[in-house]
Protein backbone atom coordinates (compact mmCIF):
# COMPACT_ATOMS: atom_id res chain seq x y z
CA MET A 1 -15.83 -62.56 -6.46
CA ILE A 2 -15.17 -60.09 -3.43
CA SER A 3 -17.95 -57.86 -4.64
CA GLY A 4 -20.45 -60.72 -5.13
CA LYS A 5 -19.68 -61.61 -1.50
CA ASN A 6 -20.53 -58.15 -0.66
CA MET A 7 -23.52 -57.94 -3.02
CA ILE A 8 -25.17 -61.02 -0.77
CA ARG A 9 -24.18 -60.15 2.00
CA GLY A 10 -25.81 -56.50 1.59
CA THR A 11 -29.23 -58.20 0.58
CA TYR A 12 -29.25 -60.35 3.32
CA ARG A 13 -28.99 -57.60 5.73
CA ARG A 14 -31.76 -55.56 4.09
CA PHE A 15 -34.22 -58.30 4.29
CA ALA A 16 -33.40 -59.12 7.72
CA ILE A 17 -34.17 -55.37 8.44
CA LEU A 18 -37.16 -55.20 6.36
CA ALA A 19 -38.21 -58.10 8.36
CA SER A 20 -37.57 -56.86 11.76
CA ALA A 21 -39.72 -54.30 10.54
CA GLY A 22 -42.51 -56.09 9.42
CA VAL A 23 -42.85 -57.73 12.47
CA LEU A 24 -42.61 -54.73 14.96
CA MET A 25 -45.41 -53.43 12.66
CA VAL A 26 -47.46 -56.97 13.59
CA LEU A 27 -46.73 -56.72 16.83
CA THR A 28 -47.67 -53.16 17.17
CA GLY A 29 -50.66 -53.60 15.50
CA CYS A 30 -51.86 -56.91 17.90
CA ALA A 31 -51.26 -54.40 20.56
CA SER A 32 -53.42 -51.43 19.79
CA VAL A 33 -56.11 -53.44 18.66
CA GLN A 34 -57.42 -54.29 21.90
CA GLY A 35 -57.97 -49.97 22.61
CA PRO A 36 -56.07 -47.82 24.69
CA THR A 37 -54.42 -48.60 27.18
CA LEU A 38 -52.84 -47.34 30.42
CA PRO A 39 -49.12 -46.44 30.37
CA VAL A 40 -46.68 -48.74 32.52
CA SER A 41 -46.11 -45.59 34.98
CA GLU A 42 -49.52 -45.90 36.30
CA LEU A 43 -48.13 -49.28 37.94
CA GLU A 44 -45.94 -47.72 40.30
CA THR A 45 -46.70 -47.09 43.46
CA PHE A 46 -47.01 -43.22 45.04
CA VAL A 47 -47.10 -41.75 48.36
CA PRO A 48 -49.93 -39.89 48.61
CA LEU A 49 -50.04 -35.95 49.82
CA PRO A 50 -49.91 -35.04 53.33
CA LYS A 51 -53.17 -34.47 54.72
CA HIS A 52 -52.45 -30.47 54.99
CA ALA A 53 -50.81 -30.48 51.63
CA ARG A 54 -54.14 -32.06 49.71
CA LEU A 55 -56.28 -29.94 47.56
CA MET A 56 -59.41 -31.80 48.99
CA ASN A 57 -59.94 -33.47 51.95
CA ASP A 58 -63.59 -34.73 52.73
CA VAL A 59 -64.53 -34.53 49.66
CA LYS A 60 -67.76 -35.76 47.93
CA VAL A 61 -67.06 -38.10 45.31
CA ARG A 62 -70.03 -38.88 42.57
CA TRP A 63 -69.16 -41.89 39.75
CA GLU A 64 -71.00 -41.48 36.32
CA VAL A 65 -70.50 -44.45 34.02
CA ARG A 66 -71.10 -43.17 30.75
CA GLU A 67 -71.07 -44.41 26.76
CA ASN A 68 -69.41 -40.81 25.59
CA VAL A 69 -66.06 -41.07 27.79
CA VAL A 70 -63.88 -39.49 25.18
CA GLU A 71 -66.63 -37.01 24.19
CA VAL A 72 -67.18 -35.80 28.13
CA CYS A 73 -63.51 -35.77 29.30
CA SER A 74 -62.18 -34.11 25.63
CA ARG A 75 -64.64 -31.64 26.59
CA ALA A 76 -63.72 -31.08 30.31
CA ALA A 77 -60.19 -31.57 29.63
CA LYS A 78 -60.88 -28.73 26.55
CA ILE A 79 -58.36 -30.98 24.26
CA SER A 80 -59.12 -30.84 20.61
CA THR A 81 -60.97 -33.48 18.14
CA ALA A 82 -57.65 -34.35 17.11
CA GLN A 83 -55.89 -34.93 20.07
CA ALA A 84 -58.61 -37.32 21.91
CA TRP A 85 -58.80 -39.57 18.26
CA MET A 86 -54.88 -40.11 18.95
CA THR A 87 -55.06 -40.50 22.83
CA PRO A 88 -58.46 -41.28 23.86
CA PRO A 89 -58.83 -40.67 27.38
CA LEU A 90 -60.33 -43.49 29.64
CA ALA A 91 -61.29 -41.53 31.83
CA CYS A 92 -61.50 -38.02 33.90
CA ALA A 93 -62.07 -36.45 36.90
CA MET A 94 -63.45 -33.06 37.27
CA TRP A 95 -63.25 -31.61 40.86
CA ASN A 96 -64.64 -28.24 42.37
CA VAL A 97 -62.70 -27.26 45.51
CA ALA A 98 -65.29 -24.58 46.49
CA SER A 99 -68.21 -26.90 46.87
CA LYS A 100 -65.41 -29.85 47.83
CA GLU A 101 -67.27 -32.31 45.25
CA CYS A 102 -65.81 -34.90 42.81
CA VAL A 103 -66.93 -36.41 39.89
CA ILE A 104 -65.15 -39.30 38.18
CA ILE A 105 -66.14 -40.49 34.69
CA THR A 106 -65.63 -44.12 33.01
CA GLY A 107 -66.67 -45.88 30.72
CA LYS A 108 -68.67 -49.48 31.27
CA ILE A 109 -65.72 -51.46 31.48
CA VAL A 110 -62.75 -49.84 33.60
CA SER A 111 -59.73 -51.34 35.98
CA HIS A 112 -59.23 -50.56 39.77
CA LEU A 113 -56.25 -48.60 38.44
CA GLU A 114 -57.76 -46.30 36.50
CA LEU A 115 -60.47 -45.73 39.26
CA GLY A 116 -57.63 -45.05 41.29
CA HIS A 117 -56.59 -42.71 39.38
CA GLU A 118 -59.24 -40.72 39.11
CA LEU A 119 -60.04 -40.86 42.53
CA ARG A 120 -56.37 -39.39 43.21
CA HIS A 121 -57.46 -36.69 41.19
CA CYS A 122 -60.17 -35.83 43.62
CA PHE A 123 -58.26 -35.33 46.46
CA GLU A 124 -54.83 -34.00 45.06
CA GLY A 125 -56.50 -32.35 42.01
CA ASN A 126 -53.87 -32.05 38.92
CA PHE A 127 -51.02 -34.21 40.26
CA HIS A 128 -49.50 -35.18 36.43
CA ARG A 129 -47.57 -31.74 36.33
C-alpha cells in the first residue's frame, strides 16, 4: 500500500514538473514573437561622464533609418552572422573621434531608449566595458 502511494506521488510530481515546463515554454515563446527587446538594465539611470572624461564633446550626429539594421550594425561591430542571428542588434552608433562625427543607425521603429543609448555612444564611446 505504501509503494502505491509513493508511485502516485511520483507520477503527480513528474506531471507537475512537465506542466510547469510547458507553461514556461509557452510564455517564453510569446515574449520572443514580438521580436528583439532591450534588456531591463537599459532602464537604469546613469551618470554622464564629466565633460573632460568624454570621448567627444562637440559631435556632429547623423541619424540614418535603415531597413537592414542587423546587417549594417553586425558588419560595423564585426560580429558573425550566427551571433547576429542569435542576438540581432536593434541599432548601433559608429563614431569617428578625428572628425568628431557620429552616425546612429536604427530601424523604422525605434524607442527613445534605443536612440538615447546610441547617442550616449557618440559622446562616451564604448561605455559597455
